[in-house]
PDB file of all heavy atoms in Angstrom:
ATOM      1  N   LEU A   1      -0.360  -4.006  -6.865  1.00  0.00           N
ATOM      2  CA  LEU A   1      -0.404  -2.639  -7.414  1.00  0.00           C
ATOM      3  C   LEU A   1      -1.646  -2.607  -8.450  1.00  0.00           C
ATOM      4  O   LEU A   1      -2.314  -1.598  -8.415  1.00  0.00           O
ATOM      5  CB  LEU A   1       0.941  -2.253  -8.105  1.00  0.00           C
ATOM      6  CG  LEU A   1       2.107  -1.868  -7.136  1.00  0.00           C
ATOM      7  CD1 LEU A   1       3.254  -1.484  -7.977  1.00  0.00           C
ATOM      8  CD2 LEU A   1       1.763  -0.973  -6.099  1.00  0.00           C
ATOM      9  N   GLU A   2      -1.731  -3.575  -9.271  1.00  0.00           N
ATOM     10  CA  GLU A   2      -2.703  -3.556 -10.262  1.00  0.00           C
ATOM     11  C   GLU A   2      -4.090  -3.464  -9.815  1.00  0.00           C
ATOM     12  O   GLU A   2      -5.096  -2.965 -10.451  1.00  0.00           O
ATOM     13  CB  GLU A   2      -2.449  -4.736 -11.278  1.00  0.00           C
ATOM     14  CG  GLU A   2      -3.208  -4.686 -12.577  1.00  0.00           C
ATOM     15  CD  GLU A   2      -2.793  -5.695 -13.580  1.00  0.00           C
ATOM     16  OE1 GLU A   2      -1.993  -6.616 -13.091  1.00  0.00           O
ATOM     17  OE2 GLU A   2      -3.397  -5.786 -14.535  1.00  0.00           O
ATOM     18  N   SER A   3      -4.319  -3.995  -8.530  1.00  0.00           N
ATOM     19  CA  SER A   3      -5.589  -4.061  -7.957  1.00  0.00           C
ATOM     20  C   SER A   3      -6.143  -2.808  -7.477  1.00  0.00           C
ATOM     21  O   SER A   3      -7.348  -2.614  -7.144  1.00  0.00           O
ATOM     22  CB  SER A   3      -5.715  -5.087  -6.763  1.00  0.00           C
ATOM     23  OG  SER A   3      -4.866  -4.703  -5.725  1.00  0.00           O
ATOM     24  N   TYR A   4      -5.175  -1.701  -7.324  1.00  0.00           N
ATOM     25  CA  TYR A   4      -5.611  -0.446  -6.668  1.00  0.00           C
ATOM     26  C   TYR A   4      -6.096   0.503  -7.814  1.00  0.00           C
ATOM     27  O   TYR A   4      -5.544   0.631  -8.799  1.00  0.00           O
ATOM     28  CB  TYR A   4      -4.294   0.114  -5.887  1.00  0.00           C
ATOM     29  CG  TYR A   4      -3.792  -0.639  -4.855  1.00  0.00           C
ATOM     30  CD1 TYR A   4      -2.503  -0.763  -4.580  1.00  0.00           C
ATOM     31  CD2 TYR A   4      -4.566  -1.413  -4.030  1.00  0.00           C
ATOM     32  CE1 TYR A   4      -1.865  -1.585  -3.649  1.00  0.00           C
ATOM     33  CE2 TYR A   4      -4.052  -2.290  -3.073  1.00  0.00           C
ATOM     34  CZ  TYR A   4      -2.668  -2.274  -2.932  1.00  0.00           C
ATOM     35  OH  TYR A   4      -2.188  -3.121  -1.833  1.00  0.00           O
ATOM     36  N   ILE A   5      -7.087   1.289  -7.420  1.00  0.00           N
ATOM     37  CA  ILE A   5      -7.781   2.046  -8.373  1.00  0.00           C
ATOM     38  C   ILE A   5      -7.484   3.599  -8.252  1.00  0.00           C
ATOM     39  O   ILE A   5      -7.835   4.343  -9.050  1.00  0.00           O
ATOM     40  CB  ILE A   5      -9.269   1.861  -8.453  1.00  0.00           C
ATOM     41  CG1 ILE A   5      -9.962   2.124  -7.120  1.00  0.00           C
ATOM     42  CG2 ILE A   5      -9.657   0.504  -8.953  1.00  0.00           C
ATOM     43  CD1 ILE A   5     -11.474   1.975  -7.213  1.00  0.00           C
ATOM     44  N   HIS A   6      -6.896   3.937  -7.071  1.00  0.00           N
ATOM     45  CA  HIS A   6      -6.626   5.369  -6.758  1.00  0.00           C
ATOM     46  C   HIS A   6      -5.421   5.420  -5.916  1.00  0.00           C
ATOM     47  O   HIS A   6      -5.013   4.414  -5.299  1.00  0.00           O
ATOM     48  CB  HIS A   6      -7.778   6.230  -6.248  1.00  0.00           C
ATOM     49  CG  HIS A   6      -8.296   5.713  -4.899  1.00  0.00           C
ATOM     50  ND1 HIS A   6      -7.570   5.869  -3.675  1.00  0.00           N
ATOM     51  CD2 HIS A   6      -9.552   4.981  -4.697  1.00  0.00           C
ATOM     52  CE1 HIS A   6      -8.235   5.331  -2.811  1.00  0.00           C
ATOM     53  NE2 HIS A   6      -9.377   4.724  -3.267  1.00  0.00           N
ATOM     54  N   VAL A   7      -4.826   6.653  -5.814  1.00  0.00           N
ATOM     55  CA  VAL A   7      -3.589   6.890  -5.000  1.00  0.00           C
ATOM     56  C   VAL A   7      -3.959   6.606  -3.533  1.00  0.00           C
ATOM     57  O   VAL A   7      -5.073   6.874  -3.237  1.00  0.00           O
ATOM     58  CB  VAL A   7      -2.860   8.189  -5.185  1.00  0.00           C
ATOM     59  CG1 VAL A   7      -2.539   8.408  -6.664  1.00  0.00           C
ATOM     60  CG2 VAL A   7      -3.937   9.310  -4.778  1.00  0.00           C
ATOM     61  N   PRO A   8      -2.969   6.211  -2.605  1.00  0.00           N
ATOM     62  CA  PRO A   8      -3.406   6.150  -1.217  1.00  0.00           C
ATOM     63  C   PRO A   8      -3.847   7.505  -0.653  1.00  0.00           C
ATOM     64  O   PRO A   8      -3.108   8.558  -0.771  1.00  0.00           O
ATOM     65  CB  PRO A   8      -2.015   5.723  -0.676  1.00  0.00           C
ATOM     66  CG  PRO A   8      -1.072   6.072  -1.661  1.00  0.00           C
ATOM     67  CD  PRO A   8      -1.552   6.044  -2.961  1.00  0.00           C
ATOM     68  N   THR A   9      -4.935   7.387   0.049  1.00  0.00           N
ATOM     69  CA  THR A   9      -5.600   8.587   0.499  1.00  0.00           C
ATOM     70  C   THR A   9      -5.724   8.704   2.157  1.00  0.00           C
ATOM     71  O   THR A   9      -6.180   9.618   2.614  1.00  0.00           O
ATOM     72  CB  THR A   9      -6.951   8.874  -0.055  1.00  0.00           C
ATOM     73  OG1 THR A   9      -7.844   7.672   0.331  1.00  0.00           O
ATOM     74  CG2 THR A   9      -7.046   9.096  -1.641  1.00  0.00           C
ATOM     75  N   ASN A  10      -5.487   7.529   2.732  1.00  0.00           N
ATOM     76  CA  ASN A  10      -5.603   7.480   4.198  1.00  0.00           C
ATOM     77  C   ASN A  10      -4.524   6.479   4.820  1.00  0.00           C
ATOM     78  O   ASN A  10      -3.802   5.816   3.994  1.00  0.00           O
ATOM     79  CB  ASN A  10      -6.996   6.997   4.578  1.00  0.00           C
ATOM     80  CG  ASN A  10      -7.424   5.741   3.967  1.00  0.00           C
ATOM     81  OD1 ASN A  10      -6.720   4.755   3.925  1.00  0.00           O
ATOM     82  ND2 ASN A  10      -8.674   5.794   3.322  1.00  0.00           N
ATOM     83  N   LYS A  11      -4.471   6.365   6.101  1.00  0.00           N
ATOM     84  CA  LYS A  11      -3.510   5.641   6.699  1.00  0.00           C
ATOM     85  C   LYS A  11      -3.616   3.993   6.290  1.00  0.00           C
ATOM     86  O   LYS A  11      -2.633   3.360   6.159  1.00  0.00           O
ATOM     87  CB  LYS A  11      -3.674   5.698   8.174  1.00  0.00           C
ATOM     88  CG  LYS A  11      -2.515   5.016   8.931  1.00  0.00           C
ATOM     89  CD  LYS A  11      -2.684   5.318  10.507  1.00  0.00           C
ATOM     90  CE  LYS A  11      -1.616   4.578  11.284  1.00  0.00           C
ATOM     91  NZ  LYS A  11      -1.761   4.762  12.846  1.00  0.00           N
ATOM     92  N   LYS A  12      -4.904   3.670   6.256  1.00  0.00           N
ATOM     93  CA  LYS A  12      -5.107   2.207   5.969  1.00  0.00           C
ATOM     94  C   LYS A  12      -4.539   1.843   4.576  1.00  0.00           C
ATOM     95  O   LYS A  12      -3.967   0.817   4.522  1.00  0.00           O
ATOM     96  CB  LYS A  12      -6.537   1.953   5.965  1.00  0.00           C
ATOM     97  CG  LYS A  12      -7.024   0.637   5.728  1.00  0.00           C
ATOM     98  CD  LYS A  12      -8.475   0.320   5.891  1.00  0.00           C
ATOM     99  CE  LYS A  12      -8.924  -1.127   5.635  1.00  0.00           C
ATOM    100  NZ  LYS A  12     -10.299  -1.394   5.717  1.00  0.00           N
ATOM    101  N   GLU A  13      -4.732   2.756   3.723  1.00  0.00           N
ATOM    102  CA  GLU A  13      -4.232   2.418   2.278  1.00  0.00           C
ATOM    103  C   GLU A  13      -2.573   2.583   2.254  1.00  0.00           C
ATOM    104  O   GLU A  13      -2.075   1.764   1.671  1.00  0.00           O
ATOM    105  CB  GLU A  13      -4.903   3.352   1.300  1.00  0.00           C
ATOM    106  CG  GLU A  13      -6.329   3.142   0.998  1.00  0.00           C
ATOM    107  CD  GLU A  13      -7.175   4.172   0.348  1.00  0.00           C
ATOM    108  OE1 GLU A  13      -6.559   5.245   0.211  1.00  0.00           O
ATOM    109  OE2 GLU A  13      -8.237   3.982   0.029  1.00  0.00           O
ATOM    110  N   PHE A  14      -2.088   3.517   3.014  1.00  0.00           N
ATOM    111  CA  PHE A  14      -0.722   3.660   3.134  1.00  0.00           C
ATOM    112  C   PHE A  14      -0.086   2.452   3.652  1.00  0.00           C
ATOM    113  O   PHE A  14       0.954   1.895   3.156  1.00  0.00           O
ATOM    114  CB  PHE A  14      -0.432   4.827   4.008  1.00  0.00           C
ATOM    115  CG  PHE A  14       1.116   4.941   4.456  1.00  0.00           C
ATOM    116  CD1 PHE A  14       2.003   5.501   3.574  1.00  0.00           C
ATOM    117  CD2 PHE A  14       1.523   4.646   5.726  1.00  0.00           C
ATOM    118  CE1 PHE A  14       3.338   5.612   3.874  1.00  0.00           C
ATOM    119  CE2 PHE A  14       2.814   4.789   6.105  1.00  0.00           C
ATOM    120  CZ  PHE A  14       3.747   5.356   5.236  1.00  0.00           C
ATOM    121  N   GLU A  15      -0.806   1.721   4.702  1.00  0.00           N
ATOM    122  CA  GLU A  15      -0.185   0.605   5.370  1.00  0.00           C
ATOM    123  C   GLU A  15      -0.344  -0.677   4.612  1.00  0.00           C
ATOM    124  O   GLU A  15       0.028  -1.685   5.010  1.00  0.00           O
ATOM    125  CB  GLU A  15      -0.843   0.501   6.862  1.00  0.00           C
ATOM    126  CG  GLU A  15      -0.383   1.655   7.792  1.00  0.00           C
ATOM    127  CD  GLU A  15      -1.065   1.557   9.044  1.00  0.00           C
ATOM    128  OE1 GLU A  15      -2.199   0.789   9.199  1.00  0.00           O
ATOM    129  OE2 GLU A  15      -0.598   2.222  10.061  1.00  0.00           O
ATOM    130  N   ARG A  16      -1.057  -0.516   3.395  1.00  0.00           N
ATOM    131  CA  ARG A  16      -1.045  -1.689   2.506  1.00  0.00           C
ATOM    132  C   ARG A  16       0.364  -2.240   2.158  1.00  0.00           C
ATOM    133  O   ARG A  16       0.585  -3.293   1.776  1.00  0.00           O
ATOM    134  CB  ARG A  16      -1.865  -1.365   1.122  1.00  0.00           C
ATOM    135  CG  ARG A  16      -3.304  -1.354   1.446  1.00  0.00           C
ATOM    136  CD  ARG A  16      -4.046  -0.798   0.234  1.00  0.00           C
ATOM    137  NE  ARG A  16      -5.424  -0.894   0.351  1.00  0.00           N
ATOM    138  CZ  ARG A  16      -6.308  -0.222  -0.582  1.00  0.00           C
ATOM    139  NH1 ARG A  16      -5.784   0.511  -1.545  1.00  0.00           N
ATOM    140  NH2 ARG A  16      -7.669  -0.293  -0.409  1.00  0.00           N
ATOM    141  N   MET A  17       1.314  -1.243   2.129  1.00  0.00           N
ATOM    142  CA  MET A  17       2.683  -1.532   1.727  1.00  0.00           C
ATOM    143  C   MET A  17       3.516  -2.184   2.953  1.00  0.00           C
ATOM    144  O   MET A  17       4.620  -2.609   2.689  1.00  0.00           O
ATOM    145  CB  MET A  17       3.405  -0.270   1.210  1.00  0.00           C
ATOM    146  CG  MET A  17       2.685   0.170  -0.021  1.00  0.00           C
ATOM    147  SD  MET A  17       3.016  -0.829  -1.527  1.00  0.00           S
ATOM    148  CE  MET A  17       1.445  -1.673  -1.503  1.00  0.00           C
ATOM    149  N   ILE A  18       2.972  -2.153   4.111  1.00  0.00           N
ATOM    150  CA  ILE A  18       3.813  -2.748   5.304  1.00  0.00           C
ATOM    151  C   ILE A  18       4.301  -4.130   5.041  1.00  0.00           C
ATOM    152  O   ILE A  18       5.474  -4.599   5.289  1.00  0.00           O
ATOM    153  CB  ILE A  18       3.063  -2.581   6.556  1.00  0.00           C
ATOM    154  CG1 ILE A  18       2.960  -1.161   6.942  1.00  0.00           C
ATOM    155  CG2 ILE A  18       3.811  -3.440   7.677  1.00  0.00           C
ATOM    156  CD1 ILE A  18       2.084  -0.841   8.288  1.00  0.00           C
ATOM    157  N   SER A  19       3.327  -4.918   4.556  1.00  0.00           N
ATOM    158  CA  SER A  19       3.817  -6.396   4.264  1.00  0.00           C
ATOM    159  C   SER A  19       4.993  -6.562   3.287  1.00  0.00           C
ATOM    160  O   SER A  19       5.479  -7.651   3.263  1.00  0.00           O
ATOM    161  CB  SER A  19       2.438  -7.231   3.877  1.00  0.00           C
ATOM    162  OG  SER A  19       2.019  -6.723   2.629  1.00  0.00           O
ATOM    163  N   PHE A  20       5.017  -5.620   2.411  1.00  0.00           N
ATOM    164  CA  PHE A  20       6.079  -5.706   1.325  1.00  0.00           C
ATOM    165  C   PHE A  20       7.484  -5.027   1.777  1.00  0.00           C
ATOM    166  O   PHE A  20       8.485  -5.293   1.233  1.00  0.00           O
ATOM    167  CB  PHE A  20       5.767  -5.060   0.022  1.00  0.00           C
ATOM    168  CG  PHE A  20       4.406  -5.745  -0.569  1.00  0.00           C
ATOM    169  CD1 PHE A  20       3.136  -5.359  -0.445  1.00  0.00           C
ATOM    170  CD2 PHE A  20       4.714  -6.957  -1.341  1.00  0.00           C
ATOM    171  CE1 PHE A  20       2.029  -6.002  -1.030  1.00  0.00           C
ATOM    172  CE2 PHE A  20       3.665  -7.600  -1.881  1.00  0.00           C
ATOM    173  CZ  PHE A  20       2.341  -7.129  -1.798  1.00  0.00           C
ATOM    174  N   ALA A  21       7.310  -4.013   2.764  1.00  0.00           N
ATOM    175  CA  ALA A  21       8.424  -3.191   3.019  1.00  0.00           C
ATOM    176  C   ALA A  21       9.642  -3.889   3.606  1.00  0.00           C
ATOM    177  O   ALA A  21      10.618  -3.376   3.719  1.00  0.00           O
ATOM    178  CB  ALA A  21       7.991  -1.995   3.982  1.00  0.00           C
ATOM    179  N   SER A  22       9.389  -5.039   4.253  1.00  0.00           N
ATOM    180  CA  SER A  22      10.499  -5.780   4.928  1.00  0.00           C
ATOM    181  C   SER A  22      11.316  -6.626   3.951  1.00  0.00           C
ATOM    182  O   SER A  22      12.334  -7.229   4.177  1.00  0.00           O
ATOM    183  CB  SER A  22      10.033  -6.695   5.947  1.00  0.00           C
ATOM    184  OG  SER A  22       9.108  -7.629   5.502  1.00  0.00           O
ATOM    185  N   ASN A  23      10.935  -6.730   2.746  1.00  0.00           N
ATOM    186  CA  ASN A  23      11.478  -7.467   1.568  1.00  0.00           C
ATOM    187  C   ASN A  23      12.549  -6.608   0.987  1.00  0.00           C
ATOM    188  O   ASN A  23      12.240  -5.809   0.035  1.00  0.00           O
ATOM    189  CB  ASN A  23      10.567  -8.003   0.624  1.00  0.00           C
ATOM    190  CG  ASN A  23      11.119  -8.891  -0.447  1.00  0.00           C
ATOM    191  OD1 ASN A  23      12.311  -8.807  -0.760  1.00  0.00           O
ATOM    192  ND2 ASN A  23      10.298  -9.815  -0.824  1.00  0.00           N
ATOM    193  N   ASP A  24      13.881  -6.682   1.409  1.00  0.00           N
ATOM    194  CA  ASP A  24      14.923  -5.842   0.860  1.00  0.00           C
ATOM    195  C   ASP A  24      15.160  -5.881  -0.634  1.00  0.00           C
ATOM    196  O   ASP A  24      15.395  -4.960  -1.284  1.00  0.00           O
ATOM    197  CB  ASP A  24      16.298  -6.113   1.603  1.00  0.00           C
ATOM    198  CG  ASP A  24      16.091  -5.544   3.110  1.00  0.00           C
ATOM    199  OD1 ASP A  24      15.177  -4.896   3.526  1.00  0.00           O
ATOM    200  OD2 ASP A  24      17.085  -5.863   3.788  1.00  0.00           O
TER     201      ASP A  24
END
């Protein structure tokens, strides 16, 4: 999170969270 400089603005940025989303 700290590495991101602006809010997600496109699909590629939205999908940055896919790798974390399976961790309940």
